[in-house]
Amino acid sequence: IKGFMIQGGDPAGTGKGGTSIWGKKFNDEIRESLKHNARGILSMANSGPNTNGSQFFITYAKQPHLNGLYTVFGRVIHGFEVLDLMEK
């Protein structure tokens, strides 16, 4: 979604599938210090509190409304030109 994010991690390709390596949903690990405050933030996608599976997303811009709702676990440090191409 241009200006918002790109999502992946669903082996079925439907946007509804995918399980964690534990074979079940797992709890959020939200930290106040980790925010959706830049392009390239990597977070777990979920369908509500403590419903993390295998899906994840990368932000295309700051998304402060996602703070406290999705577990941030990384950020893009190289290859922003690829992120630019995916956003087109």
PDB file of N, CA and C in Angstrom:
ATOM      1  N   ILE A   1       0.863  -1.163   0.000  1.00  0.00           N
ATOM      2  CA  ILE A   1       0.000   0.000   0.000  1.00  0.00           C
ATOM      3  C   ILE A   1       0.911   1.227   0.000  1.00  0.00           C
ATOM      4  N   LYS A   2       0.921   1.920  -1.109  1.00  0.00           N
ATOM      5  CA  LYS A   2       1.817   3.066  -1.269  1.00  0.00           C
ATOM      6  C   LYS A   2       1.626   4.076  -0.130  1.00  0.00           C
ATOM      7  N   GLY A   3       2.741   4.541   0.416  1.00  0.00           N
ATOM      8  CA  GLY A   3       2.707   5.511   1.506  1.00  0.00           C
ATOM      9  C   GLY A   3       2.428   4.915   2.869  1.00  0.00           C
ATOM     10  N   PHE A   4       2.136   3.617   2.915  1.00  0.00           N
ATOM     11  CA  PHE A   4       1.793   2.974   4.189  1.00  0.00           C
ATOM     12  C   PHE A   4       2.767   1.835   4.506  1.00  0.00           C
ATOM     13  N   MET A   5       2.604   0.669   3.852  1.00  0.00           N
ATOM     14  CA  MET A   5       3.460  -0.470   4.176  1.00  0.00           C
ATOM     15  C   MET A   5       3.348  -1.548   3.117  1.00  0.00           C
ATOM     16  N   ILE A   6       4.247  -2.525   3.206  1.00  0.00           N
ATOM     17  CA  ILE A   6       4.178  -3.756   2.427  1.00  0.00           C
ATOM     18  C   ILE A   6       4.156  -4.900   3.430  1.00  0.00           C
ATOM     19  N   GLN A   7       3.309  -5.894   3.165  1.00  0.00           N
ATOM     20  CA  GLN A   7       3.149  -7.007   4.098  1.00  0.00           C
ATOM     21  C   GLN A   7       3.528  -8.318   3.427  1.00  0.00           C
ATOM     22  N   GLY A   8       4.119  -9.214   4.210  1.00  0.00           N
ATOM     23  CA  GLY A   8       4.500 -10.532   3.717  1.00  0.00           C
ATOM     24  C   GLY A   8       4.433 -11.563   4.821  1.00  0.00           C
ATOM     25  N   GLY A   9       4.923 -12.763   4.516  1.00  0.00           N
ATOM     26  CA  GLY A   9       5.000 -13.811   5.519  1.00  0.00           C
ATOM     27  C   GLY A   9       3.843 -14.784   5.526  1.00  0.00           C
ATOM     28  N   ASP A  10       2.958 -14.706   4.523  1.00  0.00           N
ATOM     29  CA  ASP A  10       1.845 -15.645   4.427  1.00  0.00           C
ATOM     30  C   ASP A  10       2.159 -16.672   3.347  1.00  0.00           C
ATOM     31  N   PRO A  11       2.520 -17.893   3.727  1.00  0.00           N
ATOM     32  CA  PRO A  11       2.877 -18.889   2.719  1.00  0.00           C
ATOM     33  C   PRO A  11       1.727 -19.246   1.783  1.00  0.00           C
ATOM     34  N   ALA A  12       0.486 -19.026   2.202  1.00  0.00           N
ATOM     35  CA  ALA A  12      -0.670 -19.316   1.355  1.00  0.00           C
ATOM     36  C   ALA A  12      -0.920 -18.202   0.344  1.00  0.00           C
ATOM     37  N   GLY A  13      -0.392 -17.007   0.612  1.00  0.00           N
ATOM     38  CA  GLY A  13      -0.576 -15.876  -0.287  1.00  0.00           C
ATOM     39  C   GLY A  13      -1.962 -15.268  -0.249  1.00  0.00           C
ATOM     40  N   THR A  14      -2.728 -15.541   0.789  1.00  0.00           N
ATOM     41  CA  THR A  14      -4.093 -15.025   0.893  1.00  0.00           C
ATOM     42  C   THR A  14      -4.214 -13.836   1.837  1.00  0.00           C
ATOM     43  N   GLY A  15      -3.187 -13.606   2.647  1.00  0.00           N
ATOM     44  CA  GLY A  15      -3.263 -12.566   3.668  1.00  0.00           C
ATOM     45  C   GLY A  15      -3.888 -13.054   4.955  1.00  0.00           C
ATOM     46  N   LYS A  16      -4.324 -14.297   4.989  1.00  0.00           N
ATOM     47  CA  LYS A  16      -4.975 -14.858   6.175  1.00  0.00           C
ATOM     48  C   LYS A  16      -4.196 -16.013   6.792  1.00  0.00           C
ATOM     49  N   GLY A  17      -3.217 -16.544   6.066  1.00  0.00           N
ATOM     50  CA  GLY A  17      -2.529 -17.749   6.512  1.00  0.00           C
ATOM     51  C   GLY A  17      -1.223 -17.494   7.223  1.00  0.00           C
ATOM     52  N   GLY A  18      -0.608 -18.591   7.622  1.00  0.00           N
ATOM     53  CA  GLY A  18       0.697 -18.543   8.250  1.00  0.00           C
ATOM     54  C   GLY A  18       0.639 -18.779   9.737  1.00  0.00           C
ATOM     55  N   THR A  19       1.536 -19.629  10.220  1.00  0.00           N
ATOM     56  CA  THR A  19       1.645 -19.887  11.649  1.00  0.00           C
ATOM     57  C   THR A  19       3.072 -19.593  12.089  1.00  0.00           C
ATOM     58  N   SER A  20       3.234 -19.398  13.356  1.00  0.00           N
ATOM     59  CA  SER A  20       4.567 -19.129  13.902  1.00  0.00           C
ATOM     60  C   SER A  20       5.387 -20.420  13.919  1.00  0.00           C
ATOM     61  N   ILE A  21       6.651 -20.311  14.254  1.00  0.00           N
ATOM     62  CA  ILE A  21       7.504 -21.499  14.349  1.00  0.00           C
ATOM     63  C   ILE A  21       7.068 -22.413  15.488  1.00  0.00           C
ATOM     64  N   TRP A  22       6.253 -21.896  16.403  1.00  0.00           N
ATOM     65  CA  TRP A  22       5.737 -22.691  17.512  1.00  0.00           C
ATOM     66  C   TRP A  22       4.427 -23.388  17.149  1.00  0.00           C
ATOM     67  N   GLY A  23       3.901 -23.123  15.944  1.00  0.00           N
ATOM     68  CA  GLY A  23       2.667 -23.762  15.505  1.00  0.00           C
ATOM     69  C   GLY A  23       1.402 -23.152  16.064  1.00  0.00           C
ATOM     70  N   LYS A  24       1.527 -22.020  16.738  1.00  0.00           N
ATOM     71  CA  LYS A  24       0.362 -21.336  17.302  1.00  0.00           C
ATOM     72  C   LYS A  24       0.650 -19.847  17.367  1.00  0.00           C
ATOM     73  N   LYS A  25      -0.365 -19.067  17.657  1.00  0.00           N
ATOM     74  CA  LYS A  25      -0.200 -17.620  17.812  1.00  0.00           C
ATOM     75  C   LYS A  25       0.686 -17.347  19.023  1.00  0.00           C
ATOM     76  N   PHE A  26       1.372 -16.201  19.000  1.00  0.00           N
ATOM     77  CA  PHE A  26       2.187 -15.844  20.160  1.00  0.00           C
ATOM     78  C   PHE A  26       1.926 -14.403  20.577  1.00  0.00           C
ATOM     79  N   ASN A  27       2.287 -14.097  21.800  1.00  0.00           N
ATOM     80  CA  ASN A  27       1.985 -12.803  22.411  1.00  0.00           C
ATOM     81  C   ASN A  27       2.786 -11.658  21.812  1.00  0.00           C
ATOM     82  N   ASP A  28       2.205 -10.475  21.893  1.00  0.00           N
ATOM     83  CA  ASP A  28       2.896  -9.254  21.495  1.00  0.00           C
ATOM     84  C   ASP A  28       4.108  -9.043  22.399  1.00  0.00           C
ATOM     85  N   GLU A  29       5.114  -8.384  21.858  1.00  0.00           N
ATOM     86  CA  GLU A  29       6.299  -8.000  22.624  1.00  0.00           C
ATOM     87  C   GLU A  29       6.548  -6.513  22.386  1.00  0.00           C
ATOM     88  N   ILE A  30       5.557  -5.718  22.675  1.00  0.00           N
ATOM     89  CA  ILE A  30       5.592  -4.283  22.398  1.00  0.00           C
ATOM     90  C   ILE A  30       6.438  -3.577  23.449  1.00  0.00           C
ATOM     91  N   ARG A  31       7.350  -2.742  22.972  1.00  0.00           N
ATOM     92  CA  ARG A  31       8.217  -1.937  23.834  1.00  0.00           C
ATOM     93  C   ARG A  31       7.957  -0.463  23.535  1.00  0.00           C
ATOM     94  N   GLU A  32       7.758   0.308  24.555  1.00  0.00           N
ATOM     95  CA  GLU A  32       7.472   1.739  24.397  1.00  0.00           C
ATOM     96  C   GLU A  32       8.574   2.451  23.618  1.00  0.00           C
ATOM     97  N   SER A  33       9.798   1.992  23.746  1.00  0.00           N
ATOM     98  CA  SER A  33      10.932   2.654  23.089  1.00  0.00           C
ATOM     99  C   SER A  33      11.028   2.351  21.594  1.00  0.00           C
ATOM    100  N   LEU A  34      10.321   1.330  21.115  1.00  0.00           N
ATOM    101  CA  LEU A  34      10.366   0.951  19.698  1.00  0.00           C
ATOM    102  C   LEU A  34       9.102   1.444  19.010  1.00  0.00           C
ATOM    103  N   LYS A  35       9.272   2.357  18.076  1.00  0.00           N
ATOM    104  CA  LYS A  35       8.135   3.041  17.449  1.00  0.00           C
ATOM    105  C   LYS A  35       8.156   2.883  15.935  1.00  0.00           C
ATOM    106  N   HIS A  36       7.008   3.110  15.342  1.00  0.00           N
ATOM    107  CA  HIS A  36       6.858   3.151  13.879  1.00  0.00           C
ATOM    108  C   HIS A  36       7.116   4.598  13.450  1.00  0.00           C
ATOM    109  N   ASN A  37       8.357   5.032  13.630  1.00  0.00           N
ATOM    110  CA  ASN A  37       8.690   6.449  13.477  1.00  0.00           C
ATOM    111  C   ASN A  37       9.547   6.756  12.257  1.00  0.00           C
ATOM    112  N   ALA A  38       9.634   5.810  11.313  1.00  0.00           N
ATOM    113  CA  ALA A  38      10.497   6.036  10.151  1.00  0.00           C
ATOM    114  C   ALA A  38      10.132   5.072   9.028  1.00  0.00           C
ATOM    115  N   ARG A  39      10.634   5.352   7.864  1.00  0.00           N
ATOM    116  CA  ARG A  39      10.553   4.428   6.736  1.00  0.00           C
ATOM    117  C   ARG A  39      11.419   3.208   7.062  1.00  0.00           C
ATOM    118  N   GLY A  40      10.918   2.016   6.765  1.00  0.00           N
ATOM    119  CA  GLY A  40      11.713   0.811   6.945  1.00  0.00           C
ATOM    120  C   GLY A  40      11.599   0.122   8.287  1.00  0.00           C
ATOM    121  N   ILE A  41      10.577   0.427   9.073  1.00  0.00           N
ATOM    122  CA  ILE A  41      10.381  -0.262  10.351  1.00  0.00           C
ATOM    123  C   ILE A  41       9.728  -1.620  10.083  1.00  0.00           C
ATOM    124  N   LEU A  42      10.272  -2.677  10.686  1.00  0.00           N
ATOM    125  CA  LEU A  42       9.808  -4.050  10.499  1.00  0.00           C
ATOM    126  C   LEU A  42       9.019  -4.485  11.730  1.00  0.00           C
ATOM    127  N   SER A  43       7.773  -4.913  11.517  1.00  0.00           N
ATOM    128  CA  SER A  43       6.888  -5.272  12.628  1.00  0.00           C
ATOM    129  C   SER A  43       6.088  -6.523  12.307  1.00  0.00           C
ATOM    130  N   MET A  44       5.583  -7.154  13.355  1.00  0.00           N
ATOM    131  CA  MET A  44       4.690  -8.295  13.190  1.00  0.00           C
ATOM    132  C   MET A  44       3.294  -7.793  12.839  1.00  0.00           C
ATOM    133  N   ALA A  45       2.671  -8.427  11.849  1.00  0.00           N
ATOM    134  CA  ALA A  45       1.262  -8.163  11.545  1.00  0.00           C
ATOM    135  C   ALA A  45       0.429  -9.046  12.475  1.00  0.00           C
ATOM    136  N   ASN A  46      -0.749  -8.585  12.829  1.00  0.00           N
ATOM    137  CA  ASN A  46      -1.617  -9.398  13.681  1.00  0.00           C
ATOM    138  C   ASN A  46      -3.077  -9.044  13.421  1.00  0.00           C
ATOM    139  N   SER A  47      -3.978  -9.802  14.035  1.00  0.00           N
ATOM    140  CA  SER A  47      -5.411  -9.539  13.897  1.00  0.00           C
ATOM    141  C   SER A  47      -6.018  -9.106  15.220  1.00  0.00           C
ATOM    142  N   GLY A  48      -5.185  -8.622  16.122  1.00  0.00           N
ATOM    143  CA  GLY A  48      -5.612  -8.172  17.440  1.00  0.00           C
ATOM    144  C   GLY A  48      -4.539  -8.518  18.452  1.00  0.00           C
ATOM    145  N   PRO A  49      -4.751  -8.153  19.699  1.00  0.00           N
ATOM    146  CA  PRO A  49      -3.742  -8.410  20.724  1.00  0.00           C
ATOM    147  C   PRO A  49      -3.354  -9.888  20.811  1.00  0.00           C
ATOM    148  N   ASN A  50      -2.052 -10.124  20.867  1.00  0.00           N
ATOM    149  CA  ASN A  50      -1.487 -11.460  21.094  1.00  0.00           C
ATOM    150  C   ASN A  50      -1.900 -12.494  20.042  1.00  0.00           C
ATOM    151  N   THR A  51      -1.956 -12.061  18.773  1.00  0.00           N
ATOM    152  CA  THR A  51      -2.323 -12.967  17.679  1.00  0.00           C
ATOM    153  C   THR A  51      -1.236 -13.011  16.606  1.00  0.00           C
ATOM    154  N   ASN A  52       0.013 -12.866  16.990  1.00  0.00           N
ATOM    155  CA  ASN A  52       1.117 -12.902  16.029  1.00  0.00           C
ATOM    156  C   ASN A  52       1.296 -14.306  15.481  1.00  0.00           C
ATOM    157  N   GLY A  53       1.563 -14.383  14.176  1.00  0.00           N
ATOM    158  CA  GLY A  53       1.807 -15.667  13.518  1.00  0.00           C
ATOM    159  C   GLY A  53       3.094 -15.587  12.724  1.00  0.00           C
ATOM    160  N   SER A  54       2.976 -15.591  11.393  1.00  0.00           N
ATOM    161  CA  SER A  54       4.167 -15.509  10.541  1.00  0.00           C
ATOM    162  C   SER A  54       4.212 -14.231   9.715  1.00  0.00           C
ATOM    163  N   GLN A  55       3.132 -13.471   9.697  1.00  0.00           N
ATOM    164  CA  GLN A  55       3.086 -12.295   8.838  1.00  0.00           C
ATOM    165  C   GLN A  55       3.771 -11.091   9.478  1.00  0.00           C
ATOM    166  N   PHE A  56       4.354 -10.284   8.623  1.00  0.00           N
ATOM    167  CA  PHE A  56       5.096  -9.100   9.054  1.00  0.00           C
ATOM    168  C   PHE A  56       4.882  -7.997   8.035  1.00  0.00           C
ATOM    169  N   PHE A  57       5.286  -6.783   8.390  1.00  0.00           N
ATOM    170  CA  PHE A  57       5.208  -5.674   7.441  1.00  0.00           C
ATOM    171  C   PHE A  57       6.393  -4.745   7.619  1.00  0.00           C
ATOM    172  N   ILE A  58       6.661  -3.974   6.565  1.00  0.00           N
ATOM    173  CA  ILE A  58       7.702  -2.948   6.566  1.00  0.00           C
ATOM    174  C   ILE A  58       7.028  -1.641   6.199  1.00  0.00           C
ATOM    175  N   THR A  59       7.252  -0.611   7.002  1.00  0.00           N
ATOM    176  CA  THR A  59       6.607   0.679   6.745  1.00  0.00           C
ATOM    177  C   THR A  59       7.296   1.432   5.614  1.00  0.00           C
ATOM    178  N   TYR A  60       6.486   2.175   4.871  1.00  0.00           N
ATOM    179  CA  TYR A  60       7.011   3.063   3.828  1.00  0.00           C
ATOM    180  C   TYR A  60       7.214   4.485   4.350  1.00  0.00           C
ATOM    181  N   ALA A  61       6.690   4.782   5.527  1.00  0.00           N
ATOM    182  CA  ALA A  61       6.792   6.120   6.132  1.00  0.00           C
ATOM    183  C   ALA A  61       6.470   5.985   7.623  1.00  0.00           C
ATOM    184  N   LYS A  62       6.599   7.078   8.359  1.00  0.00           N
ATOM    185  CA  LYS A  62       6.183   7.090   9.765  1.00  0.00           C
ATOM    186  C   LYS A  62       4.721   6.659   9.847  1.00  0.00           C
ATOM    187  N   GLN A  63       4.402   5.827  10.827  1.00  0.00           N
ATOM    188  CA  GLN A  63       3.024   5.373  11.042  1.00  0.00           C
ATOM    189  C   GLN A  63       2.740   5.367  12.546  1.00  0.00           C
ATOM    190  N   PRO A  64       2.686   6.532  13.178  1.00  0.00           N
ATOM    191  CA  PRO A  64       2.551   6.579  14.635  1.00  0.00           C
ATOM    192  C   PRO A  64       1.272   5.934  15.169  1.00  0.00           C
ATOM    193  N   HIS A  65       0.237   5.837  14.342  1.00  0.00           N
ATOM    194  CA  HIS A  65      -1.006   5.213  14.806  1.00  0.00           C
ATOM    195  C   HIS A  65      -0.848   3.706  15.047  1.00  0.00           C
ATOM    196  N   LEU A  66       0.262   3.115  14.590  1.00  0.00           N
ATOM    197  CA  LEU A  66       0.524   1.687  14.808  1.00  0.00           C
ATOM    198  C   LEU A  66       1.249   1.414  16.125  1.00  0.00           C
ATOM    199  N   ASN A  67       1.793   2.469  16.738  1.00  0.00           N
ATOM    200  CA  ASN A  67       2.537   2.310  17.995  1.00  0.00           C
ATOM    201  C   ASN A  67       1.645   1.706  19.074  1.00  0.00           C
ATOM    202  N   GLY A  68       2.176   0.728  19.787  1.00  0.00           N
ATOM    203  CA  GLY A  68       1.439   0.077  20.861  1.00  0.00           C
ATOM    204  C   GLY A  68       0.509  -1.029  20.393  1.00  0.00           C
ATOM    205  N   LEU A  69       0.383  -1.206  19.082  1.00  0.00           N
ATOM    206  CA  LEU A  69      -0.514  -2.228  18.538  1.00  0.00           C
ATOM    207  C   LEU A  69       0.222  -3.377  17.862  1.00  0.00           C
ATOM    208  N   TYR A  70       1.431  -3.102  17.373  1.00  0.00           N
ATOM    209  CA  TYR A  70       2.198  -4.083  16.610  1.00  0.00           C
ATOM    210  C   TYR A  70       3.627  -4.141  17.131  1.00  0.00           C
ATOM    211  N   THR A  71       4.175  -5.345  17.248  1.00  0.00           N
ATOM    212  CA  THR A  71       5.518  -5.551  17.764  1.00  0.00           C
ATOM    213  C   THR A  71       6.570  -5.171  16.729  1.00  0.00           C
ATOM    214  N   VAL A  72       7.360  -4.147  17.037  1.00  0.00           N
ATOM    215  CA  VAL A  72       8.496  -3.754  16.200  1.00  0.00           C
ATOM    216  C   VAL A  72       9.658  -4.681  16.543  1.00  0.00           C
ATOM    217  N   PHE A  73      10.276  -5.286  15.500  1.00  0.00           N
ATOM    218  CA  PHE A  73      11.405  -6.167  15.784  1.00  0.00           C
ATOM    219  C   PHE A  73      12.608  -5.934  14.883  1.00  0.00           C
ATOM    220  N   GLY A  74      12.568  -4.883  14.080  1.00  0.00           N
ATOM    221  CA  GLY A  74      13.726  -4.593  13.244  1.00  0.00           C
ATOM    222  C   GLY A  74      13.511  -3.355  12.407  1.00  0.00           C
ATOM    223  N   ARG A  75      14.518  -3.069  11.578  1.00  0.00           N
ATOM    224  CA  ARG A  75      14.420  -1.941  10.657  1.00  0.00           C
ATOM    225  C   ARG A  75      15.337  -2.198   9.475  1.00  0.00           C
ATOM    226  N   VAL A  76      14.997  -1.618   8.356  1.00  0.00           N
ATOM    227  CA  VAL A  76      15.830  -1.712   7.161  1.00  0.00           C
ATOM    228  C   VAL A  76      17.051  -0.825   7.376  1.00  0.00           C
ATOM    229  N   ILE A  77      18.240  -1.365   7.126  1.00  0.00           N
ATOM    230  CA  ILE A  77      19.449  -0.552   7.263  1.00  0.00           C
ATOM    231  C   ILE A  77      20.174  -0.384   5.938  1.00  0.00           C
ATOM    232  N   HIS A  78      19.925  -1.272   4.992  1.00  0.00           N
ATOM    233  CA  HIS A  78      20.502  -1.186   3.645  1.00  0.00           C
ATOM    234  C   HIS A  78      19.433  -1.616   2.649  1.00  0.00           C
ATOM    235  N   GLY A  79      19.536  -1.136   1.428  1.00  0.00           N
ATOM    236  CA  GLY A  79      18.619  -1.575   0.382  1.00  0.00           C
ATOM    237  C   GLY A  79      17.350  -0.763   0.265  1.00  0.00           C
ATOM    238  N   PHE A  80      17.399   0.480   0.685  1.00  0.00           N
ATOM    239  CA  PHE A  80      16.204   1.313   0.581  1.00  0.00           C
ATOM    240  C   PHE A  80      15.743   1.481  -0.865  1.00  0.00           C
ATOM    241  N   GLU A  81      16.666   1.316  -1.822  1.00  0.00           N
ATOM    242  CA  GLU A  81      16.262   1.406  -3.225  1.00  0.00           C
ATOM    243  C   GLU A  81      15.306   0.265  -3.584  1.00  0.00           C
ATOM    244  N   VAL A  82      15.449  -0.882  -2.952  1.00  0.00           N
ATOM    245  CA  VAL A  82      14.521  -1.997  -3.172  1.00  0.00           C
ATOM    246  C   VAL A  82      13.163  -1.668  -2.555  1.00  0.00           C
ATOM    247  N   LEU A  83      13.169  -1.081  -1.375  1.00  0.00           N
ATOM    248  CA  LEU A  83      11.923  -0.649  -0.744  1.00  0.00           C
ATOM    249  C   LEU A  83      11.214   0.376  -1.628  1.00  0.00           C
ATOM    250  N   ASP A  84      11.979   1.284  -2.229  1.00  0.00           N
ATOM    251  CA  ASP A  84      11.406   2.264  -3.162  1.00  0.00           C
ATOM    252  C   ASP A  84      10.718   1.567  -4.330  1.00  0.00           C
ATOM    253  N   LEU A  85      11.355   0.549  -4.894  1.00  0.00           N
ATOM    254  CA  LEU A  85      10.775  -0.191  -6.024  1.00  0.00           C
ATOM    255  C   LEU A  85       9.511  -0.941  -5.615  1.00  0.00           C
ATOM    256  N   MET A  86       9.502  -1.518  -4.433  1.00  0.00           N
ATOM    257  CA  MET A  86       8.312  -2.240  -3.963  1.00  0.00           C
ATOM    258  C   MET A  86       7.134  -1.298  -3.759  1.00  0.00           C
ATOM    259  N   GLU A  87       7.429  -0.065  -3.379  1.00  0.00           N
ATOM    260  CA  GLU A  87       6.347   0.886  -3.112  1.00  0.00           C
ATOM    261  C   GLU A  87       5.671   1.378  -4.387  1.00  0.00           C
ATOM    262  N   LYS A  88       6.361   1.318  -5.513  1.00  0.00           N
ATOM    263  CA  LYS A  88       5.795   1.827  -6.775  1.00  0.00           C
ATOM    264  C   LYS A  88       4.621   1.011  -7.247  1.00  0.00           C
TER     265      LYS A  88
END
